[in-house]
Amino acid sequence: MSRSVEEERNKGIMVIFSVLAWGIIPLYSLAVFIPNLVVVVRRLHYTGKSGWYYLIGLIPLLGAILLIIALVTDSQTGSNQWGPNPKETDDSINEIGNDLIERY
């Protein structure tokens, strides 16, 4: 290949990589980060901790360990300031079809 054709090909490859690096990858990262944040904050609320506790993960090594421990801790019994414990809610959703079953 001549030098100019090779340079054009390299420029095309660089354009593709720059579109990925500055366009698609940040959008994907944002699309994954927001649901992850919501799930982690909800889990922290179940254990009785504030969502701001998520920021403890920014502390190198120790923060990640403390966050993992907080996420695997069992939920608080009863209600807390963020609402009722989802494990202890009533079982009314399971009662929806029972009247139909009893009739037939």
PDB file of N, CA and C in Angstrom:
ATOM      1  N   MET A   1       0.837  -1.184   0.000  1.00  0.00           N
ATOM      2  CA  MET A   1       0.000   0.000   0.000  1.00  0.00           C
ATOM      3  C   MET A   1       0.875   1.238   0.000  1.00  0.00           C
ATOM      4  N   SER A   2       0.360   2.225  -0.633  1.00  0.00           N
ATOM      5  CA  SER A   2       1.104   3.485  -0.614  1.00  0.00           C
ATOM      6  C   SER A   2       0.879   4.172   0.724  1.00  0.00           C
ATOM      7  N   ARG A   3       1.715   5.101   1.028  1.00  0.00           N
ATOM      8  CA  ARG A   3       1.695   5.782   2.319  1.00  0.00           C
ATOM      9  C   ARG A   3       0.390   6.550   2.525  1.00  0.00           C
ATOM     10  N   SER A   4      -0.137   7.213   1.518  1.00  0.00           N
ATOM     11  CA  SER A   4      -1.346   8.017   1.689  1.00  0.00           C
ATOM     12  C   SER A   4      -2.578   7.136   1.932  1.00  0.00           C
ATOM     13  N   VAL A   5      -2.647   5.971   1.282  1.00  0.00           N
ATOM     14  CA  VAL A   5      -3.775   5.063   1.495  1.00  0.00           C
ATOM     15  C   VAL A   5      -3.728   4.516   2.917  1.00  0.00           C
ATOM     16  N   GLU A   6      -2.528   4.193   3.385  1.00  0.00           N
ATOM     17  CA  GLU A   6      -2.375   3.687   4.744  1.00  0.00           C
ATOM     18  C   GLU A   6      -2.738   4.751   5.778  1.00  0.00           C
ATOM     19  N   GLU A   7      -2.356   5.997   5.517  1.00  0.00           N
ATOM     20  CA  GLU A   7      -2.703   7.093   6.424  1.00  0.00           C
ATOM     21  C   GLU A   7      -4.210   7.309   6.476  1.00  0.00           C
ATOM     22  N   GLU A   8      -4.887   7.203   5.348  1.00  0.00           N
ATOM     23  CA  GLU A   8      -6.346   7.366   5.307  1.00  0.00           C
ATOM     24  C   GLU A   8      -7.042   6.236   6.063  1.00  0.00           C
ATOM     25  N   ARG A   9      -6.514   5.046   5.906  1.00  0.00           N
ATOM     26  CA  ARG A   9      -7.095   3.910   6.622  1.00  0.00           C
ATOM     27  C   ARG A   9      -6.925   4.087   8.126  1.00  0.00           C
ATOM     28  N   ASN A  10      -5.758   4.540   8.552  1.00  0.00           N
ATOM     29  CA  ASN A  10      -5.512   4.771   9.971  1.00  0.00           C
ATOM     30  C   ASN A  10      -6.412   5.876  10.513  1.00  0.00           C
ATOM     31  N   LYS A  11      -6.658   6.915   9.727  1.00  0.00           N
ATOM     32  CA  LYS A  11      -7.559   7.981  10.157  1.00  0.00           C
ATOM     33  C   LYS A  11      -8.983   7.455  10.327  1.00  0.00           C
ATOM     34  N   GLY A  12      -9.408   6.588   9.429  1.00  0.00           N
ATOM     35  CA  GLY A  12     -10.740   5.993   9.536  1.00  0.00           C
ATOM     36  C   GLY A  12     -10.881   5.147  10.791  1.00  0.00           C
ATOM     37  N   ILE A  13      -9.849   4.387  11.097  1.00  0.00           N
ATOM     38  CA  ILE A  13      -9.870   3.561  12.309  1.00  0.00           C
ATOM     39  C   ILE A  13      -9.906   4.456  13.543  1.00  0.00           C
ATOM     40  N   MET A  14      -9.158   5.548  13.527  1.00  0.00           N
ATOM     41  CA  MET A  14      -9.150   6.466  14.671  1.00  0.00           C
ATOM     42  C   MET A  14     -10.512   7.138  14.860  1.00  0.00           C
ATOM     43  N   VAL A  15     -11.196   7.418  13.768  1.00  0.00           N
ATOM     44  CA  VAL A  15     -12.532   8.009  13.872  1.00  0.00           C
ATOM     45  C   VAL A  15     -13.491   7.017  14.533  1.00  0.00           C
ATOM     46  N   ILE A  16     -13.409   5.768  14.147  1.00  0.00           N
ATOM     47  CA  ILE A  16     -14.275   4.745  14.746  1.00  0.00           C
ATOM     48  C   ILE A  16     -13.990   4.617  16.236  1.00  0.00           C
ATOM     49  N   PHE A  17     -12.738   4.567  16.619  1.00  0.00           N
ATOM     50  CA  PHE A  17     -12.391   4.457  18.032  1.00  0.00           C
ATOM     51  C   PHE A  17     -12.806   5.692  18.817  1.00  0.00           C
ATOM     52  N   SER A  18     -12.673   6.868  18.227  1.00  0.00           N
ATOM     53  CA  SER A  18     -13.064   8.078  18.951  1.00  0.00           C
ATOM     54  C   SER A  18     -14.575   8.162  19.126  1.00  0.00           C
ATOM     55  N   VAL A  19     -15.352   7.684  18.138  1.00  0.00           N
ATOM     56  CA  VAL A  19     -16.808   7.647  18.300  1.00  0.00           C
ATOM     57  C   VAL A  19     -17.176   6.703  19.433  1.00  0.00           C
ATOM     58  N   LEU A  20     -16.511   5.556  19.510  1.00  0.00           N
ATOM     59  CA  LEU A  20     -16.767   4.617  20.595  1.00  0.00           C
ATOM     60  C   LEU A  20     -16.374   5.218  21.948  1.00  0.00           C
ATOM     61  N   ALA A  21     -15.193   5.808  21.998  1.00  0.00           N
ATOM     62  CA  ALA A  21     -14.671   6.305  23.265  1.00  0.00           C
ATOM     63  C   ALA A  21     -15.439   7.517  23.775  1.00  0.00           C
ATOM     64  N   TRP A  22     -15.891   8.396  22.906  1.00  0.00           N
ATOM     65  CA  TRP A  22     -16.543   9.623  23.352  1.00  0.00           C
ATOM     66  C   TRP A  22     -18.058   9.608  23.193  1.00  0.00           C
ATOM     67  N   GLY A  23     -18.602   8.585  22.579  1.00  0.00           N
ATOM     68  CA  GLY A  23     -20.034   8.568  22.347  1.00  0.00           C
ATOM     69  C   GLY A  23     -20.742   7.387  22.961  1.00  0.00           C
ATOM     70  N   ILE A  24     -20.461   6.207  22.483  1.00  0.00           N
ATOM     71  CA  ILE A  24     -21.219   5.025  22.863  1.00  0.00           C
ATOM     72  C   ILE A  24     -20.844   4.529  24.260  1.00  0.00           C
ATOM     73  N   ILE A  25     -19.582   4.470  24.572  1.00  0.00           N
ATOM     74  CA  ILE A  25     -19.149   3.938  25.864  1.00  0.00           C
ATOM     75  C   ILE A  25     -19.645   4.789  27.034  1.00  0.00           C
ATOM     76  N   PRO A  26     -19.559   6.119  27.000  1.00  0.00           N
ATOM     77  CA  PRO A  26     -20.125   6.904  28.112  1.00  0.00           C
ATOM     78  C   PRO A  26     -21.638   6.739  28.253  1.00  0.00           C
ATOM     79  N   LEU A  27     -22.353   6.619  27.152  1.00  0.00           N
ATOM     80  CA  LEU A  27     -23.794   6.398  27.238  1.00  0.00           C
ATOM     81  C   LEU A  27     -24.105   5.046  27.875  1.00  0.00           C
ATOM     82  N   TYR A  28     -23.371   4.031  27.492  1.00  0.00           N
ATOM     83  CA  TYR A  28     -23.553   2.707  28.088  1.00  0.00           C
ATOM     84  C   TYR A  28     -23.228   2.746  29.583  1.00  0.00           C
ATOM     85  N   SER A  29     -22.142   3.412  29.938  1.00  0.00           N
ATOM     86  CA  SER A  29     -21.753   3.497  31.344  1.00  0.00           C
ATOM     87  C   SER A  29     -22.831   4.181  32.173  1.00  0.00           C
ATOM     88  N   LEU A  30     -23.399   5.249  31.647  1.00  0.00           N
ATOM     89  CA  LEU A  30     -24.467   5.957  32.342  1.00  0.00           C
ATOM     90  C   LEU A  30     -25.716   5.091  32.441  1.00  0.00           C
ATOM     91  N   ALA A  31     -26.023   4.377  31.383  1.00  0.00           N
ATOM     92  CA  ALA A  31     -27.205   3.519  31.369  1.00  0.00           C
ATOM     93  C   ALA A  31     -27.067   2.357  32.353  1.00  0.00           C
ATOM     94  N   VAL A  32     -25.874   1.936  32.654  1.00  0.00           N
ATOM     95  CA  VAL A  32     -25.658   0.848  33.615  1.00  0.00           C
ATOM     96  C   VAL A  32     -25.523   1.401  35.035  1.00  0.00           C
ATOM     97  N   PHE A  33     -24.913   2.563  35.188  1.00  0.00           N
ATOM     98  CA  PHE A  33     -24.655   3.126  36.515  1.00  0.00           C
ATOM     99  C   PHE A  33     -25.940   3.511  37.238  1.00  0.00           C
ATOM    100  N   ILE A  34     -26.874   4.130  36.555  1.00  0.00           N
ATOM    101  CA  ILE A  34     -28.086   4.627  37.216  1.00  0.00           C
ATOM    102  C   ILE A  34     -28.921   3.479  37.801  1.00  0.00           C
ATOM    103  N   PRO A  35     -29.238   2.415  37.063  1.00  0.00           N
ATOM    104  CA  PRO A  35     -29.967   1.304  37.709  1.00  0.00           C
ATOM    105  C   PRO A  35     -29.178   0.654  38.842  1.00  0.00           C
ATOM    106  N   ASN A  36     -27.874   0.555  38.696  1.00  0.00           N
ATOM    107  CA  ASN A  36     -27.033  -0.003  39.755  1.00  0.00           C
ATOM    108  C   ASN A  36     -27.134   0.854  41.012  1.00  0.00           C
ATOM    109  N   LEU A  37     -27.083   2.159  40.854  1.00  0.00           N
ATOM    110  CA  LEU A  37     -27.198   3.073  41.988  1.00  0.00           C
ATOM    111  C   LEU A  37     -28.533   2.891  42.693  1.00  0.00           C
ATOM    112  N   VAL A  38     -29.604   2.782  41.933  1.00  0.00           N
ATOM    113  CA  VAL A  38     -30.939   2.618  42.511  1.00  0.00           C
ATOM    114  C   VAL A  38     -31.033   1.315  43.312  1.00  0.00           C
ATOM    115  N   VAL A  39     -30.526   0.236  42.768  1.00  0.00           N
ATOM    116  CA  VAL A  39     -30.603  -1.060  43.450  1.00  0.00           C
ATOM    117  C   VAL A  39     -29.760  -1.048  44.721  1.00  0.00           C
ATOM    118  N   VAL A  40     -28.576  -0.474  44.681  1.00  0.00           N
ATOM    119  CA  VAL A  40     -27.713  -0.442  45.862  1.00  0.00           C
ATOM    120  C   VAL A  40     -28.330   0.432  46.948  1.00  0.00           C
ATOM    121  N   VAL A  41     -28.868   1.591  46.581  1.00  0.00           N
ATOM    122  CA  VAL A  41     -29.487   2.463  47.578  1.00  0.00           C
ATOM    123  C   VAL A  41     -30.712   1.784  48.194  1.00  0.00           C
ATOM    124  N   ARG A  42     -31.520   1.099  47.384  1.00  0.00           N
ATOM    125  CA  ARG A  42     -32.679   0.383  47.921  1.00  0.00           C
ATOM    126  C   ARG A  42     -32.219  -0.698  48.901  1.00  0.00           C
ATOM    127  N   ARG A  43     -31.169  -1.418  48.552  1.00  0.00           N
ATOM    128  CA  ARG A  43     -30.657  -2.465  49.440  1.00  0.00           C
ATOM    129  C   ARG A  43     -30.135  -1.862  50.738  1.00  0.00           C
ATOM    130  N   LEU A  44     -29.439  -0.723  50.656  1.00  0.00           N
ATOM    131  CA  LEU A  44     -28.954  -0.064  51.873  1.00  0.00           C
ATOM    132  C   LEU A  44     -30.121   0.390  52.742  1.00  0.00           C
ATOM    133  N   HIS A  45     -31.192   0.844  52.125  1.00  0.00           N
ATOM    134  CA  HIS A  45     -32.373   1.238  52.891  1.00  0.00           C
ATOM    135  C   HIS A  45     -32.975   0.043  53.614  1.00  0.00           C
ATOM    136  N   TYR A  46     -32.986  -1.127  52.988  1.00  0.00           N
ATOM    137  CA  TYR A  46     -33.510  -2.326  53.642  1.00  0.00           C
ATOM    138  C   TYR A  46     -32.727  -2.637  54.909  1.00  0.00           C
ATOM    139  N   THR A  47     -31.425  -2.364  54.895  1.00  0.00           N
ATOM    140  CA  THR A  47     -30.592  -2.653  56.064  1.00  0.00           C
ATOM    141  C   THR A  47     -30.587  -1.504  57.061  1.00  0.00           C
ATOM    142  N   GLY A  48     -31.320  -0.429  56.774  1.00  0.00           N
ATOM    143  CA  GLY A  48     -31.427   0.683  57.712  1.00  0.00           C
ATOM    144  C   GLY A  48     -30.353   1.741  57.548  1.00  0.00           C
ATOM    145  N   LYS A  49     -29.619   1.707  56.455  1.00  0.00           N
ATOM    146  CA  LYS A  49     -28.569   2.694  56.219  1.00  0.00           C
ATOM    147  C   LYS A  49     -29.025   3.688  55.155  1.00  0.00           C
ATOM    148  N   SER A  50     -28.457   4.865  55.200  1.00  0.00           N
ATOM    149  CA  SER A  50     -28.762   5.890  54.211  1.00  0.00           C
ATOM    150  C   SER A  50     -28.126   5.518  52.873  1.00  0.00           C
ATOM    151  N   GLY A  51     -28.688   6.045  51.806  1.00  0.00           N
ATOM    152  CA  GLY A  51     -28.114   5.831  50.481  1.00  0.00           C
ATOM    153  C   GLY A  51     -26.748   6.470  50.330  1.00  0.00           C
ATOM    154  N   TRP A  52     -26.477   7.471  51.151  1.00  0.00           N
ATOM    155  CA  TRP A  52     -25.170   8.120  51.101  1.00  0.00           C
ATOM    156  C   TRP A  52     -24.059   7.171  51.543  1.00  0.00           C
ATOM    157  N   TYR A  53     -24.425   6.096  52.206  1.00  0.00           N
ATOM    158  CA  TYR A  53     -23.448   5.092  52.627  1.00  0.00           C
ATOM    159  C   TYR A  53     -22.740   4.487  51.416  1.00  0.00           C
ATOM    160  N   TYR A  54     -23.360   4.593  50.257  1.00  0.00           N
ATOM    161  CA  TYR A  54     -22.760   4.091  49.017  1.00  0.00           C
ATOM    162  C   TYR A  54     -21.408   4.755  48.755  1.00  0.00           C
ATOM    163  N   LEU A  55     -21.269   5.997  49.192  1.00  0.00           N
ATOM    164  CA  LEU A  55     -20.019   6.727  48.955  1.00  0.00           C
ATOM    165  C   LEU A  55     -18.848   6.176  49.757  1.00  0.00           C
ATOM    166  N   ILE A  56     -19.117   5.341  50.757  1.00  0.00           N
ATOM    167  CA  ILE A  56     -18.027   4.739  51.510  1.00  0.00           C
ATOM    168  C   ILE A  56     -17.179   3.842  50.603  1.00  0.00           C
ATOM    169  N   GLY A  57     -17.776   3.398  49.509  1.00  0.00           N
ATOM    170  CA  GLY A  57     -17.045   2.581  48.547  1.00  0.00           C
ATOM    171  C   GLY A  57     -15.918   3.320  47.853  1.00  0.00           C
ATOM    172  N   LEU A  58     -15.882   4.642  47.991  1.00  0.00           N
ATOM    173  CA  LEU A  58     -14.806   5.423  47.382  1.00  0.00           C
ATOM    174  C   LEU A  58     -13.495   5.319  48.164  1.00  0.00           C
ATOM    175  N   ILE A  59     -13.567   4.868  49.407  1.00  0.00           N
ATOM    176  CA  ILE A  59     -12.346   4.677  50.195  1.00  0.00           C
ATOM    177  C   ILE A  59     -11.636   3.441  49.644  1.00  0.00           C
ATOM    178  N   PRO A  60     -10.382   3.578  49.271  1.00  0.00           N
ATOM    179  CA  PRO A  60      -9.687   2.425  48.676  1.00  0.00           C
ATOM    180  C   PRO A  60      -9.666   1.213  49.604  1.00  0.00           C
ATOM    181  N   LEU A  61      -9.954   0.065  49.048  1.00  0.00           N
ATOM    182  CA  LEU A  61      -9.941  -1.254  49.667  1.00  0.00           C
ATOM    183  C   LEU A  61     -10.911  -1.390  50.845  1.00  0.00           C
ATOM    184  N   LEU A  62     -10.695  -0.648  51.915  1.00  0.00           N
ATOM    185  CA  LEU A  62     -11.545  -0.759  53.097  1.00  0.00           C
ATOM    186  C   LEU A  62     -12.988  -0.372  52.773  1.00  0.00           C
ATOM    187  N   GLY A  63     -13.190   0.654  51.966  1.00  0.00           N
ATOM    188  CA  GLY A  63     -14.533   1.086  51.613  1.00  0.00           C
ATOM    189  C   GLY A  63     -15.302   0.024  50.853  1.00  0.00           C
ATOM    190  N   ALA A  64     -14.634  -0.644  49.938  1.00  0.00           N
ATOM    191  CA  ALA A  64     -15.291  -1.706  49.175  1.00  0.00           C
ATOM    192  C   ALA A  64     -15.682  -2.862  50.089  1.00  0.00           C
ATOM    193  N   ILE A  65     -14.825  -3.200  51.036  1.00  0.00           N
ATOM    194  CA  ILE A  65     -15.129  -4.284  51.971  1.00  0.00           C
ATOM    195  C   ILE A  65     -16.320  -3.906  52.844  1.00  0.00           C
ATOM    196  N   LEU A  66     -16.332  -2.687  53.379  1.00  0.00           N
ATOM    197  CA  LEU A  66     -17.442  -2.245  54.223  1.00  0.00           C
ATOM    198  C   LEU A  66     -18.751  -2.190  53.443  1.00  0.00           C
ATOM    199  N   LEU A  67     -18.685  -1.768  52.195  1.00  0.00           N
ATOM    200  CA  LEU A  67     -19.896  -1.704  51.378  1.00  0.00           C
ATOM    201  C   LEU A  67     -20.439  -3.101  51.091  1.00  0.00           C
ATOM    202  N   ILE A  68     -19.565  -4.032  50.792  1.00  0.00           N
ATOM    203  CA  ILE A  68     -20.010  -5.415  50.554  1.00  0.00           C
ATOM    204  C   ILE A  68     -20.648  -5.988  51.810  1.00  0.00           C
ATOM    205  N   ILE A  69     -20.056  -5.729  52.966  1.00  0.00           N
ATOM    206  CA  ILE A  69     -20.628  -6.211  54.225  1.00  0.00           C
ATOM    207  C   ILE A  69     -22.006  -5.594  54.444  1.00  0.00           C
ATOM    208  N   ALA A  70     -22.145  -4.306  54.167  1.00  0.00           N
ATOM    209  CA  ALA A  70     -23.436  -3.640  54.341  1.00  0.00           C
ATOM    210  C   ALA A  70     -24.480  -4.200  53.379  1.00  0.00           C
ATOM    211  N   LEU A  71     -24.070  -4.578  52.185  1.00  0.00           N
ATOM    212  CA  LEU A  71     -25.023  -5.079  51.193  1.00  0.00           C
ATOM    213  C   LEU A  71     -25.471  -6.509  51.473  1.00  0.00           C
ATOM    214  N   VAL A  72     -24.637  -7.300  52.124  1.00  0.00           N
ATOM    215  CA  VAL A  72     -25.024  -8.688  52.405  1.00  0.00           C
ATOM    216  C   VAL A  72     -25.634  -8.853  53.791  1.00  0.00           C
ATOM    217  N   THR A  73     -25.669  -7.790  54.581  1.00  0.00           N
ATOM    218  CA  THR A  73     -26.294  -7.831  55.895  1.00  0.00           C
ATOM    219  C   THR A  73     -27.797  -8.047  55.740  1.00  0.00           C
ATOM    220  N   ASP A  74     -28.389  -8.809  56.642  1.00  0.00           N
ATOM    221  CA  ASP A  74     -29.825  -9.071  56.594  1.00  0.00           C
ATOM    222  C   ASP A  74     -30.609  -7.784  56.839  1.00  0.00           C
ATOM    223  N   SER A  75     -31.800  -7.721  56.307  1.00  0.00           N
ATOM    224  CA  SER A  75     -32.655  -6.543  56.444  1.00  0.00           C
ATOM    225  C   SER A  75     -33.057  -6.337  57.888  1.00  0.00           C
ATOM    226  N   GLN A  76     -33.376  -5.072  58.222  1.00  0.00           N
ATOM    227  CA  GLN A  76     -33.887  -4.767  59.547  1.00  0.00           C
ATOM    228  C   GLN A  76     -35.262  -5.383  59.719  1.00  0.00           C
ATOM    229  N   THR A  77     -35.557  -5.840  60.914  1.00  0.00           N
ATOM    230  CA  THR A  77     -36.904  -6.349  61.164  1.00  0.00           C
ATOM    231  C   THR A  77     -37.844  -5.170  61.340  1.00  0.00           C
ATOM    232  N   GLY A  78     -39.059  -5.330  60.868  1.00  0.00           N
ATOM    233  CA  GLY A  78     -40.043  -4.262  60.971  1.00  0.00           C
ATOM    234  C   GLY A  78     -39.777  -3.140  59.982  1.00  0.00           C
ATOM    235  N   SER A  79     -40.402  -2.024  60.232  1.00  0.00           N
ATOM    236  CA  SER A  79     -40.252  -0.862  59.348  1.00  0.00           C
ATOM    237  C   SER A  79     -39.117   0.020  59.834  1.00  0.00           C
ATOM    238  N   ASN A  80     -38.547   0.768  58.907  1.00  0.00           N
ATOM    239  CA  ASN A  80     -37.588   1.806  59.273  1.00  0.00           C
ATOM    240  C   ASN A  80     -38.033   3.103  58.600  1.00  0.00           C
ATOM    241  N   GLN A  81     -37.207   4.120  58.632  1.00  0.00           N
ATOM    242  CA  GLN A  81     -37.617   5.423  58.098  1.00  0.00           C
ATOM    243  C   GLN A  81     -37.829   5.421  56.592  1.00  0.00           C
ATOM    244  N   TRP A  82     -37.388   4.360  55.887  1.00  0.00           N
ATOM    245  CA  TRP A  82     -37.565   4.288  54.440  1.00  0.00           C
ATOM    246  C   TRP A  82     -38.725   3.398  54.038  1.00  0.00           C
ATOM    247  N   GLY A  83     -39.408   2.817  55.004  1.00  0.00           N
ATOM    248  CA  GLY A  83     -40.577   2.016  54.676  1.00  0.00           C
ATOM    249  C   GLY A  83     -40.533   0.640  55.305  1.00  0.00           C
ATOM    250  N   PRO A  84     -41.520  -0.189  54.971  1.00  0.00           N
ATOM    251  CA  PRO A  84     -41.593  -1.521  55.573  1.00  0.00           C
ATOM    252  C   PRO A  84     -40.553  -2.470  54.984  1.00  0.00           C
ATOM    253  N   ASN A  85     -40.234  -3.469  55.764  1.00  0.00           N
ATOM    254  CA  ASN A  85     -39.322  -4.512  55.313  1.00  0.00           C
ATOM    255  C   ASN A  85     -40.048  -5.344  54.251  1.00  0.00           C
ATOM    256  N   PRO A  86     -39.497  -5.493  53.061  1.00  0.00           N
ATOM    257  CA  PRO A  86     -40.197  -6.238  52.014  1.00  0.00           C
ATOM    258  C   PRO A  86     -40.360  -7.720  52.335  1.00  0.00           C
ATOM    259  N   LYS A  87     -39.554  -8.258  53.234  1.00  0.00           N
ATOM    260  CA  LYS A  87     -39.686  -9.663  53.608  1.00  0.00           C
ATOM    261  C   LYS A  87     -40.878  -9.883  54.533  1.00  0.00           C
ATOM    262  N   GLU A  88     -41.318  -8.826  55.209  1.00  0.00           N
ATOM    263  CA  GLU A  88     -42.371  -8.965  56.207  1.00  0.00           C
ATOM    264  C   GLU A  88     -43.707  -8.393  55.751  1.00  0.00           C
ATOM    265  N   THR A  89     -43.845  -8.011  54.503  1.00  0.00           N
ATOM    266  CA  THR A  89     -45.109  -7.442  54.046  1.00  0.00           C
ATOM    267  C   THR A  89     -46.166  -8.529  53.981  1.00  0.00           C
ATOM    268  N   ASP A  90     -47.431  -8.103  53.948  1.00  0.00           N
ATOM    269  CA  ASP A  90     -48.512  -9.080  53.902  1.00  0.00           C
ATOM    270  C   ASP A  90     -48.462  -9.870  52.601  1.00  0.00           C
ATOM    271  N   ASP A  91     -49.132 -10.980  52.604  1.00  0.00           N
ATOM    272  CA  ASP A  91     -49.097 -11.903  51.476  1.00  0.00           C
ATOM    273  C   ASP A  91     -50.312 -11.737  50.584  1.00  0.00           C
ATOM    274  N   SER A  92     -50.854 -10.511  50.499  1.00  0.00           N
ATOM    275  CA  SER A  92     -52.106 -10.301  49.770  1.00  0.00           C
ATOM    276  C   SER A  92     -51.967 -10.565  48.271  1.00  0.00           C
ATOM    277  N   ILE A  93     -50.807 -10.418  47.718  1.00  0.00           N
ATOM    278  CA  ILE A  93     -50.629 -10.656  46.289  1.00  0.00           C
ATOM    279  C   ILE A  93     -50.880 -12.127  45.966  1.00  0.00           C
ATOM    280  N   ASN A  94     -50.618 -13.010  46.913  1.00  0.00           N
ATOM    281  CA  ASN A  94     -50.829 -14.435  46.687  1.00  0.00           C
ATOM    282  C   ASN A  94     -52.293 -14.844  46.837  1.00  0.00           C
ATOM    283  N   GLU A  95     -53.127 -13.930  47.313  1.00  0.00           N
ATOM    284  CA  GLU A  95     -54.541 -14.217  47.517  1.00  0.00           C
ATOM    285  C   GLU A  95     -55.389 -13.854  46.296  1.00  0.00           C
ATOM    286  N   ILE A  96     -54.818 -13.291  45.264  1.00  0.00           N
ATOM    287  CA  ILE A  96     -55.573 -12.750  44.137  1.00  0.00           C
ATOM    288  C   ILE A  96     -56.421 -13.810  43.445  1.00  0.00           C
ATOM    289  N   GLY A  97     -55.938 -14.975  43.200  1.00  0.00           N
ATOM    290  CA  GLY A  97     -56.688 -15.964  42.434  1.00  0.00           C
ATOM    291  C   GLY A  97     -57.395 -17.009  43.263  1.00  0.00           C
ATOM    292  N   ASN A  98     -57.310 -16.922  44.572  1.00  0.00           N
ATOM    293  CA  ASN A  98     -57.869 -17.971  45.417  1.00  0.00           C
ATOM    294  C   ASN A  98     -59.380 -18.118  45.284  1.00  0.00           C
ATOM    295  N   ASP A  99     -60.132 -17.028  45.133  1.00  0.00           N
ATOM    296  CA  ASP A  99     -61.584 -17.146  45.020  1.00  0.00           C
ATOM    297  C   ASP A  99     -61.967 -17.883  43.742  1.00  0.00           C
ATOM    298  N   LEU A 100     -61.208 -17.698  42.675  1.00  0.00           N
ATOM    299  CA  LEU A 100     -61.485 -18.431  41.443  1.00  0.00           C
ATOM    300  C   LEU A 100     -61.185 -19.921  41.591  1.00  0.00           C
ATOM    301  N   ILE A 101     -60.145 -20.237  42.310  1.00  0.00           N
ATOM    302  CA  ILE A 101     -59.776 -21.630  42.522  1.00  0.00           C
ATOM    303  C   ILE A 101     -60.851 -22.337  43.362  1.00  0.00           C
ATOM    304  N   GLU A 102     -61.356 -21.636  44.373  1.00  0.00           N
ATOM    305  CA  GLU A 102     -62.362 -22.228  45.246  1.00  0.00           C
ATOM    306  C   GLU A 102     -63.679 -22.489  44.500  1.00  0.00           C
ATOM    307  N   ARG A 103     -64.018 -21.644  43.538  1.00  0.00           N
ATOM    308  CA  ARG A 103     -65.261 -21.794  42.789  1.00  0.00           C
ATOM    309  C   ARG A 103     -65.220 -23.007  41.862  1.00  0.00           C
ATOM    310  N   TYR A 104     -64.083 -23.332  41.318  1.00  0.00           N
ATOM    311  CA  TYR A 104     -64.000 -24.399  40.319  1.00  0.00           C
ATOM    312  C   TYR A 104     -63.342 -25.572  40.935  1.00  0.00           C
TER     313      TYR A 104
END
